Amino acid sequence: MKNIALNVYEALVIQQVEECGSEDINSLSLELAIERRKLLQVIGHLKQKGLIQVRMAASDTWVELSAKGRRMAHSLWPSSPALGNA
């Protein structure tokens, strides 16, 4: 896999979303203690890198890892239970 640079916030978002499968932005902001505005910037960067997908459901915005994001999460955290390798 091509190396993609991640900052600390991006890595935290990838890790949290990978653990949960998908996450709404408000919950993600609270769980990671990141301001919603900053989180939206991070999500924008991750989306540009092709690592996450954003979808609207009812009045919430949800994020989930793309296939590329799942591969990256697996390379960063190979023993992750969410990936079935525990």
PDB file of N, CA and C in Angstrom:
ATOM      1  N   MET A   1       0.850  -1.193   0.000  1.00  0.00           N
ATOM      2  CA  MET A   1       0.000   0.000   0.000  1.00  0.00           C
ATOM      3  C   MET A   1       0.882   1.237   0.000  1.00  0.00           C
ATOM      4  N   LYS A   2       0.518   2.201  -0.837  1.00  0.00           N
ATOM      5  CA  LYS A   2       1.238   3.465  -0.917  1.00  0.00           C
ATOM      6  C   LYS A   2       1.178   4.160   0.438  1.00  0.00           C
ATOM      7  N   ASN A   3       2.311   4.731   0.856  1.00  0.00           N
ATOM      8  CA  ASN A   3       2.335   5.444   2.130  1.00  0.00           C
ATOM      9  C   ASN A   3       1.508   6.720   2.040  1.00  0.00           C
ATOM     10  N   ILE A   4       0.625   6.881   2.990  1.00  0.00           N
ATOM     11  CA  ILE A   4      -0.193   8.082   3.099  1.00  0.00           C
ATOM     12  C   ILE A   4       0.105   8.687   4.461  1.00  0.00           C
ATOM     13  N   ALA A   5       0.520   9.944   4.449  1.00  0.00           N
ATOM     14  CA  ALA A   5       0.843  10.620   5.704  1.00  0.00           C
ATOM     15  C   ALA A   5      -0.441  10.954   6.458  1.00  0.00           C
ATOM     16  N   LEU A   6      -0.446  10.653   7.754  1.00  0.00           N
ATOM     17  CA  LEU A   6      -1.564  10.990   8.627  1.00  0.00           C
ATOM     18  C   LEU A   6      -1.046  11.820   9.788  1.00  0.00           C
ATOM     19  N   ASN A   7      -1.782  12.868  10.149  1.00  0.00           N
ATOM     20  CA  ASN A   7      -1.429  13.572  11.371  1.00  0.00           C
ATOM     21  C   ASN A   7      -2.117  12.864  12.543  1.00  0.00           C
ATOM     22  N   VAL A   8      -1.869  13.325  13.738  1.00  0.00           N
ATOM     23  CA  VAL A   8      -2.405  12.666  14.934  1.00  0.00           C
ATOM     24  C   VAL A   8      -3.936  12.631  14.915  1.00  0.00           C
ATOM     25  N   TYR A   9      -4.558  13.744  14.548  1.00  0.00           N
ATOM     26  CA  TYR A   9      -6.024  13.788  14.510  1.00  0.00           C
ATOM     27  C   TYR A   9      -6.586  12.802  13.498  1.00  0.00           C
ATOM     28  N   GLU A  10      -5.960  12.737  12.328  1.00  0.00           N
ATOM     29  CA  GLU A  10      -6.421  11.807  11.297  1.00  0.00           C
ATOM     30  C   GLU A  10      -6.297  10.369  11.763  1.00  0.00           C
ATOM     31  N   ALA A  11      -5.176  10.046  12.393  1.00  0.00           N
ATOM     32  CA  ALA A  11      -4.979   8.683  12.905  1.00  0.00           C
ATOM     33  C   ALA A  11      -6.014   8.347  13.975  1.00  0.00           C
ATOM     34  N   LEU A  12      -6.311   9.296  14.858  1.00  0.00           N
ATOM     35  CA  LEU A  12      -7.321   9.067  15.894  1.00  0.00           C
ATOM     36  C   LEU A  12      -8.697   8.811  15.294  1.00  0.00           C
ATOM     37  N   VAL A  13      -9.063   9.594  14.287  1.00  0.00           N
ATOM     38  CA  VAL A  13     -10.364   9.419  13.643  1.00  0.00           C
ATOM     39  C   VAL A  13     -10.421   8.063  12.953  1.00  0.00           C
ATOM     40  N   ILE A  14      -9.372   7.712  12.215  1.00  0.00           N
ATOM     41  CA  ILE A  14      -9.331   6.409  11.535  1.00  0.00           C
ATOM     42  C   ILE A  14      -9.482   5.288  12.556  1.00  0.00           C
ATOM     43  N   GLN A  15      -8.747   5.372  13.657  1.00  0.00           N
ATOM     44  CA  GLN A  15      -8.792   4.324  14.676  1.00  0.00           C
ATOM     45  C   GLN A  15     -10.188   4.208  15.289  1.00  0.00           C
ATOM     46  N   GLN A  16     -10.786   5.326  15.654  1.00  0.00           N
ATOM     47  CA  GLN A  16     -12.104   5.295  16.295  1.00  0.00           C
ATOM     48  C   GLN A  16     -13.175   4.772  15.351  1.00  0.00           C
ATOM     49  N   VAL A  17     -13.169   5.245  14.123  1.00  0.00           N
ATOM     50  CA  VAL A  17     -14.173   4.803  13.156  1.00  0.00           C
ATOM     51  C   VAL A  17     -13.974   3.323  12.838  1.00  0.00           C
ATOM     52  N   GLU A  18     -12.731   2.882  12.762  1.00  0.00           N
ATOM     53  CA  GLU A  18     -12.444   1.475  12.502  1.00  0.00           C
ATOM     54  C   GLU A  18     -12.970   0.595  13.635  1.00  0.00           C
ATOM     55  N   GLU A  19     -12.827   1.049  14.859  1.00  0.00           N
ATOM     56  CA  GLU A  19     -13.299   0.275  16.014  1.00  0.00           C
ATOM     57  C   GLU A  19     -14.823   0.192  16.055  1.00  0.00           C
ATOM     58  N   CYS A  20     -15.497   1.260  15.631  1.00  0.00           N
ATOM     59  CA  CYS A  20     -16.961   1.307  15.715  1.00  0.00           C
ATOM     60  C   CYS A  20     -17.667   0.848  14.444  1.00  0.00           C
ATOM     61  N   GLY A  21     -16.974   0.820  13.350  1.00  0.00           N
ATOM     62  CA  GLY A  21     -17.590   0.463  12.077  1.00  0.00           C
ATOM     63  C   GLY A  21     -18.097   1.697  11.346  1.00  0.00           C
ATOM     64  N   SER A  22     -18.866   2.506  12.010  1.00  0.00           N
ATOM     65  CA  SER A  22     -19.280   3.820  11.508  1.00  0.00           C
ATOM     66  C   SER A  22     -19.606   4.665  12.731  1.00  0.00           C
ATOM     67  N   GLU A  23     -19.588   5.954  12.532  1.00  0.00           N
ATOM     68  CA  GLU A  23     -19.754   6.845  13.683  1.00  0.00           C
ATOM     69  C   GLU A  23     -20.389   8.140  13.205  1.00  0.00           C
ATOM     70  N   ASP A  24     -21.316   8.669  14.003  1.00  0.00           N
ATOM     71  CA  ASP A  24     -21.867   9.978  13.647  1.00  0.00           C
ATOM     72  C   ASP A  24     -20.906  11.050  14.145  1.00  0.00           C
ATOM     73  N   ILE A  25     -20.894  12.164  13.448  1.00  0.00           N
ATOM     74  CA  ILE A  25     -19.898  13.201  13.712  1.00  0.00           C
ATOM     75  C   ILE A  25     -20.011  13.770  15.119  1.00  0.00           C
ATOM     76  N   ASN A  26     -21.216  13.965  15.627  1.00  0.00           N
ATOM     77  CA  ASN A  26     -21.379  14.523  16.971  1.00  0.00           C
ATOM     78  C   ASN A  26     -20.795  13.591  18.029  1.00  0.00           C
ATOM     79  N   SER A  27     -21.077  12.302  17.930  1.00  0.00           N
ATOM     80  CA  SER A  27     -20.531  11.334  18.888  1.00  0.00           C
ATOM     81  C   SER A  27     -19.020  11.253  18.769  1.00  0.00           C
ATOM     82  N   LEU A  28     -18.539  11.253  17.548  1.00  0.00           N
ATOM     83  CA  LEU A  28     -17.099  11.176  17.308  1.00  0.00           C
ATOM     84  C   LEU A  28     -16.379  12.372  17.919  1.00  0.00           C
ATOM     85  N   SER A  29     -16.963  13.534  17.775  1.00  0.00           N
ATOM     86  CA  SER A  29     -16.395  14.747  18.357  1.00  0.00           C
ATOM     87  C   SER A  29     -16.293  14.634  19.877  1.00  0.00           C
ATOM     88  N   LEU A  30     -17.352  14.146  20.506  1.00  0.00           N
ATOM     89  CA  LEU A  30     -17.351  13.982  21.963  1.00  0.00           C
ATOM     90  C   LEU A  30     -16.363  12.912  22.409  1.00  0.00           C
ATOM     91  N   GLU A  31     -16.365  11.761  21.729  1.00  0.00           N
ATOM     92  CA  GLU A  31     -15.491  10.655  22.120  1.00  0.00           C
ATOM     93  C   GLU A  31     -14.015  11.000  21.994  1.00  0.00           C
ATOM     94  N   LEU A  32     -13.669  11.777  20.960  1.00  0.00           N
ATOM     95  CA  LEU A  32     -12.268  12.123  20.739  1.00  0.00           C
ATOM     96  C   LEU A  32     -11.880  13.458  21.359  1.00  0.00           C
ATOM     97  N   ALA A  33     -12.851  14.167  21.937  1.00  0.00           N
ATOM     98  CA  ALA A  33     -12.616  15.481  22.539  1.00  0.00           C
ATOM     99  C   ALA A  33     -11.968  16.431  21.535  1.00  0.00           C
ATOM    100  N   ILE A  34     -12.519  16.419  20.323  1.00  0.00           N
ATOM    101  CA  ILE A  34     -12.067  17.316  19.256  1.00  0.00           C
ATOM    102  C   ILE A  34     -13.235  18.220  18.914  1.00  0.00           C
ATOM    103  N   GLU A  35     -12.977  19.529  18.822  1.00  0.00           N
ATOM    104  CA  GLU A  35     -14.028  20.468  18.423  1.00  0.00           C
ATOM    105  C   GLU A  35     -14.657  20.021  17.118  1.00  0.00           C
ATOM    106  N   ARG A  36     -15.947  20.184  17.008  1.00  0.00           N
ATOM    107  CA  ARG A  36     -16.670  19.747  15.809  1.00  0.00           C
ATOM    108  C   ARG A  36     -16.090  20.391  14.545  1.00  0.00           C
ATOM    109  N   ARG A  37     -15.760  21.680  14.630  1.00  0.00           N
ATOM    110  CA  ARG A  37     -15.189  22.393  13.481  1.00  0.00           C
ATOM    111  C   ARG A  37     -13.861  21.762  13.051  1.00  0.00           C
ATOM    112  N   LYS A  38     -12.992  21.455  14.013  1.00  0.00           N
ATOM    113  CA  LYS A  38     -11.708  20.811  13.719  1.00  0.00           C
ATOM    114  C   LYS A  38     -11.944  19.415  13.154  1.00  0.00           C
ATOM    115  N   LEU A  39     -12.892  18.688  13.730  1.00  0.00           N
ATOM    116  CA  LEU A  39     -13.197  17.344  13.264  1.00  0.00           C
ATOM    117  C   LEU A  39     -13.666  17.363  11.811  1.00  0.00           C
ATOM    118  N   LEU A  40     -14.474  18.338  11.452  1.00  0.00           N
ATOM    119  CA  LEU A  40     -14.945  18.446  10.070  1.00  0.00           C
ATOM    120  C   LEU A  40     -13.786  18.691   9.105  1.00  0.00           C
ATOM    121  N   GLN A  41     -12.780  19.455   9.538  1.00  0.00           N
ATOM    122  CA  GLN A  41     -11.585  19.661   8.722  1.00  0.00           C
ATOM    123  C   GLN A  41     -10.827  18.348   8.541  1.00  0.00           C
ATOM    124  N   VAL A  42     -10.669  17.613   9.631  1.00  0.00           N
ATOM    125  CA  VAL A  42      -9.963  16.330   9.587  1.00  0.00           C
ATOM    126  C   VAL A  42     -10.707  15.360   8.664  1.00  0.00           C
ATOM    127  N   ILE A  43     -12.009  15.308   8.804  1.00  0.00           N
ATOM    128  CA  ILE A  43     -12.817  14.422   7.957  1.00  0.00           C
ATOM    129  C   ILE A  43     -12.683  14.817   6.486  1.00  0.00           C
ATOM    130  N   GLY A  44     -12.653  16.099   6.215  1.00  0.00           N
ATOM    131  CA  GLY A  44     -12.450  16.570   4.846  1.00  0.00           C
ATOM    132  C   GLY A  44     -11.128  16.094   4.273  1.00  0.00           C
ATOM    133  N   HIS A  45     -10.066  16.167   5.082  1.00  0.00           N
ATOM    134  CA  HIS A  45      -8.752  15.696   4.627  1.00  0.00           C
ATOM    135  C   HIS A  45      -8.760  14.191   4.381  1.00  0.00           C
ATOM    136  N   LEU A  46      -9.376  13.448   5.291  1.00  0.00           N
ATOM    137  CA  LEU A  46      -9.431  11.988   5.137  1.00  0.00           C
ATOM    138  C   LEU A  46     -10.265  11.599   3.915  1.00  0.00           C
ATOM    139  N   LYS A  47     -11.302  12.352   3.658  1.00  0.00           N
ATOM    140  CA  LYS A  47     -12.130  12.085   2.477  1.00  0.00           C
ATOM    141  C   LYS A  47     -11.332  12.347   1.206  1.00  0.00           C
ATOM    142  N   GLN A  48     -10.563  13.435   1.177  1.00  0.00           N
ATOM    143  CA  GLN A  48      -9.714  13.744   0.025  1.00  0.00           C
ATOM    144  C   GLN A  48      -8.680  12.652  -0.213  1.00  0.00           C
ATOM    145  N   LYS A  49      -8.200  12.040   0.860  1.00  0.00           N
ATOM    146  CA  LYS A  49      -7.218  10.963   0.754  1.00  0.00           C
ATOM    147  C   LYS A  49      -7.867   9.627   0.398  1.00  0.00           C
ATOM    148  N   GLY A  50      -9.202   9.626   0.350  1.00  0.00           N
ATOM    149  CA  GLY A  50      -9.927   8.411  -0.014  1.00  0.00           C
ATOM    150  C   GLY A  50     -10.023   7.387   1.096  1.00  0.00           C
ATOM    151  N   LEU A  51      -9.859   7.813   2.357  1.00  0.00           N
ATOM    152  CA  LEU A  51      -9.831   6.882   3.487  1.00  0.00           C
ATOM    153  C   LEU A  51     -11.177   6.724   4.182  1.00  0.00           C
ATOM    154  N   ILE A  52     -12.066   7.690   4.022  1.00  0.00           N
ATOM    155  CA  ILE A  52     -13.382   7.583   4.642  1.00  0.00           C
ATOM    156  C   ILE A  52     -14.467   7.975   3.659  1.00  0.00           C
ATOM    157  N   GLN A  53     -15.667   7.552   4.001  1.00  0.00           N
ATOM    158  CA  GLN A  53     -16.858   7.930   3.250  1.00  0.00           C
ATOM    159  C   GLN A  53     -17.792   8.645   4.214  1.00  0.00           C
ATOM    160  N   VAL A  54     -18.475   9.632   3.712  1.00  0.00           N
ATOM    161  CA  VAL A  54     -19.412  10.413   4.519  1.00  0.00           C
ATOM    162  C   VAL A  54     -20.802  10.189   3.949  1.00  0.00           C
ATOM    163  N   ARG A  55     -21.775   9.951   4.834  1.00  0.00           N
ATOM    164  CA  ARG A  55     -23.153   9.781   4.378  1.00  0.00           C
ATOM    165  C   ARG A  55     -24.088  10.473   5.359  1.00  0.00           C
ATOM    166  N   MET A  56     -25.204  10.910   4.808  1.00  0.00           N
ATOM    167  CA  MET A  56     -26.225  11.564   5.613  1.00  0.00           C
ATOM    168  C   MET A  56     -27.316  10.545   5.922  1.00  0.00           C
ATOM    169  N   ALA A  57     -27.765  10.520   7.158  1.00  0.00           N
ATOM    170  CA  ALA A  57     -28.865   9.654   7.572  1.00  0.00           C
ATOM    171  C   ALA A  57     -29.722  10.462   8.541  1.00  0.00           C
ATOM    172  N   ALA A  58     -30.959  10.647   8.188  1.00  0.00           N
ATOM    173  CA  ALA A  58     -31.876  11.492   8.972  1.00  0.00           C
ATOM    174  C   ALA A  58     -31.226  12.869   9.113  1.00  0.00           C
ATOM    175  N   SER A  59     -30.993  13.312  10.318  1.00  0.00           N
ATOM    176  CA  SER A  59     -30.374  14.621  10.520  1.00  0.00           C
ATOM    177  C   SER A  59     -28.910  14.496  10.934  1.00  0.00           C
ATOM    178  N   ASP A  60     -28.369  13.300  10.894  1.00  0.00           N
ATOM    179  CA  ASP A  60     -26.983  13.075  11.310  1.00  0.00           C
ATOM    180  C   ASP A  60     -26.069  12.864  10.111  1.00  0.00           C
ATOM    181  N   THR A  61     -24.806  13.177  10.307  1.00  0.00           N
ATOM    182  CA  THR A  61     -23.777  12.900   9.318  1.00  0.00           C
ATOM    183  C   THR A  61     -22.918  11.773   9.871  1.00  0.00           C
ATOM    184  N   TRP A  62     -22.772  10.706   9.093  1.00  0.00           N
ATOM    185  CA  TRP A  62     -22.031   9.524   9.517  1.00  0.00           C
ATOM    186  C   TRP A  62     -20.777   9.364   8.684  1.00  0.00           C
ATOM    187  N   VAL A  63     -19.734   8.855   9.313  1.00  0.00           N
ATOM    188  CA  VAL A  63     -18.504   8.540   8.593  1.00  0.00           C
ATOM    189  C   VAL A  63     -18.200   7.059   8.778  1.00  0.00           C
ATOM    190  N   GLU A  64     -17.640   6.472   7.742  1.00  0.00           N
ATOM    191  CA  GLU A  64     -17.194   5.091   7.804  1.00  0.00           C
ATOM    192  C   GLU A  64     -15.957   4.970   6.940  1.00  0.00           C
ATOM    193  N   LEU A  65     -15.161   3.958   7.194  1.00  0.00           N
ATOM    194  CA  LEU A  65     -13.946   3.772   6.423  1.00  0.00           C
ATOM    195  C   LEU A  65     -14.268   3.253   5.031  1.00  0.00           C
ATOM    196  N   SER A  66     -13.529   3.738   4.065  1.00  0.00           N
ATOM    197  CA  SER A  66     -13.607   3.187   2.718  1.00  0.00           C
ATOM    198  C   SER A  66     -12.766   1.906   2.709  1.00  0.00           C
ATOM    199  N   ALA A  67     -12.773   1.190   1.614  1.00  0.00           N
ATOM    200  CA  ALA A  67     -11.939  -0.013   1.502  1.00  0.00           C
ATOM    201  C   ALA A  67     -10.468   0.358   1.706  1.00  0.00           C
ATOM    202  N   LYS A  68     -10.061   1.465   1.142  1.00  0.00           N
ATOM    203  CA  LYS A  68      -8.682   1.945   1.301  1.00  0.00           C
ATOM    204  C   LYS A  68      -8.397   2.278   2.766  1.00  0.00           C
ATOM    205  N   GLY A  69      -9.369   2.892   3.433  1.00  0.00           N
ATOM    206  CA  GLY A  69      -9.220   3.215   4.852  1.00  0.00           C
ATOM    207  C   GLY A  69      -9.121   1.970   5.714  1.00  0.00           C
ATOM    208  N   ARG A  70      -9.908   0.938   5.381  1.00  0.00           N
ATOM    209  CA  ARG A  70      -9.835  -0.328   6.131  1.00  0.00           C
ATOM    210  C   ARG A  70      -8.474  -0.989   5.948  1.00  0.00           C
ATOM    211  N   ARG A  71      -7.944  -0.943   4.723  1.00  0.00           N
ATOM    212  CA  ARG A  71      -6.606  -1.506   4.489  1.00  0.00           C
ATOM    213  C   ARG A  71      -5.559  -0.746   5.288  1.00  0.00           C
ATOM    214  N   MET A  72      -5.677   0.579   5.321  1.00  0.00           N
ATOM    215  CA  MET A  72      -4.715   1.378   6.077  1.00  0.00           C
ATOM    216  C   MET A  72      -4.827   1.070   7.574  1.00  0.00           C
ATOM    217  N   ALA A  73      -6.057   0.994   8.083  1.00  0.00           N
ATOM    218  CA  ALA A  73      -6.244   0.673   9.500  1.00  0.00           C
ATOM    219  C   ALA A  73      -5.635  -0.686   9.811  1.00  0.00           C
ATOM    220  N   HIS A  74      -5.822  -1.645   8.927  1.00  0.00           N
ATOM    221  CA  HIS A  74      -5.267  -2.981   9.136  1.00  0.00           C
ATOM    222  C   HIS A  74      -3.738  -2.936   9.141  1.00  0.00           C
ATOM    223  N   SER A  75      -3.144  -2.099   8.297  1.00  0.00           N
ATOM    224  CA  SER A  75      -1.680  -2.007   8.276  1.00  0.00           C
ATOM    225  C   SER A  75      -1.149  -1.290   9.518  1.00  0.00           C
ATOM    226  N   LEU A  76      -1.938  -0.332  10.056  1.00  0.00           N
ATOM    227  CA  LEU A  76      -1.508   0.384  11.263  1.00  0.00           C
ATOM    228  C   LEU A  76      -1.751  -0.412  12.536  1.00  0.00           C
ATOM    229  N   TRP A  77      -2.881  -1.124  12.576  1.00  0.00           N
ATOM    230  CA  TRP A  77      -3.266  -1.891  13.760  1.00  0.00           C
ATOM    231  C   TRP A  77      -3.645  -3.306  13.321  1.00  0.00           C
ATOM    232  N   PRO A  78      -2.662  -4.155  12.977  1.00  0.00           N
ATOM    233  CA  PRO A  78      -2.946  -5.466  12.389  1.00  0.00           C
ATOM    234  C   PRO A  78      -3.727  -6.429  13.286  1.00  0.00           C
ATOM    235  N   SER A  79      -3.715  -6.239  14.581  1.00  0.00           N
ATOM    236  CA  SER A  79      -4.423  -7.168  15.461  1.00  0.00           C
ATOM    237  C   SER A  79      -5.758  -6.621  15.925  1.00  0.00           C
ATOM    238  N   SER A  80      -6.308  -5.687  15.176  1.00  0.00           N
ATOM    239  CA  SER A  80      -7.569  -5.066  15.563  1.00  0.00           C
ATOM    240  C   SER A  80      -8.714  -6.064  15.576  1.00  0.00           C
ATOM    241  N   PRO A  81      -9.469  -6.166  16.694  1.00  0.00           N
ATOM    242  CA  PRO A  81     -10.604  -7.064  16.773  1.00  0.00           C
ATOM    243  C   PRO A  81     -11.670  -6.782  15.723  1.00  0.00           C
ATOM    244  N   ALA A  82     -11.875  -5.520  15.374  1.00  0.00           N
ATOM    245  CA  ALA A  82     -12.908  -5.183  14.397  1.00  0.00           C
ATOM    246  C   ALA A  82     -12.604  -5.762  13.020  1.00  0.00           C
ATOM    247  N   LEU A  83     -11.347  -6.077  12.779  1.00  0.00           N
ATOM    248  CA  LEU A  83     -10.968  -6.635  11.493  1.00  0.00           C
ATOM    249  C   LEU A  83     -10.925  -8.161  11.536  1.00  0.00           C
ATOM    250  N   GLY A  84     -11.276  -8.733  12.671  1.00  0.00           N
ATOM    251  CA  GLY A  84     -11.358 -10.178  12.781  1.00  0.00           C
ATOM    252  C   GLY A  84     -10.025 -10.872  12.981  1.00  0.00           C
ATOM    253  N   ASN A  85      -9.032 -10.136  13.485  1.00  0.00           N
ATOM    254  CA  ASN A  85      -7.709 -10.733  13.679  1.00  0.00           C
ATOM    255  C   ASN A  85      -7.299 -10.802  15.143  1.00  0.00           C
ATOM    256  N   ALA A  86      -8.222 -10.772  16.033  1.00  0.00           N
ATOM    257  CA  ALA A  86      -7.888 -10.753  17.465  1.00  0.00           C
ATOM    258  C   ALA A  86      -7.383 -12.105  17.912  1.00  0.00           C
TER     259      ALA A  86
END
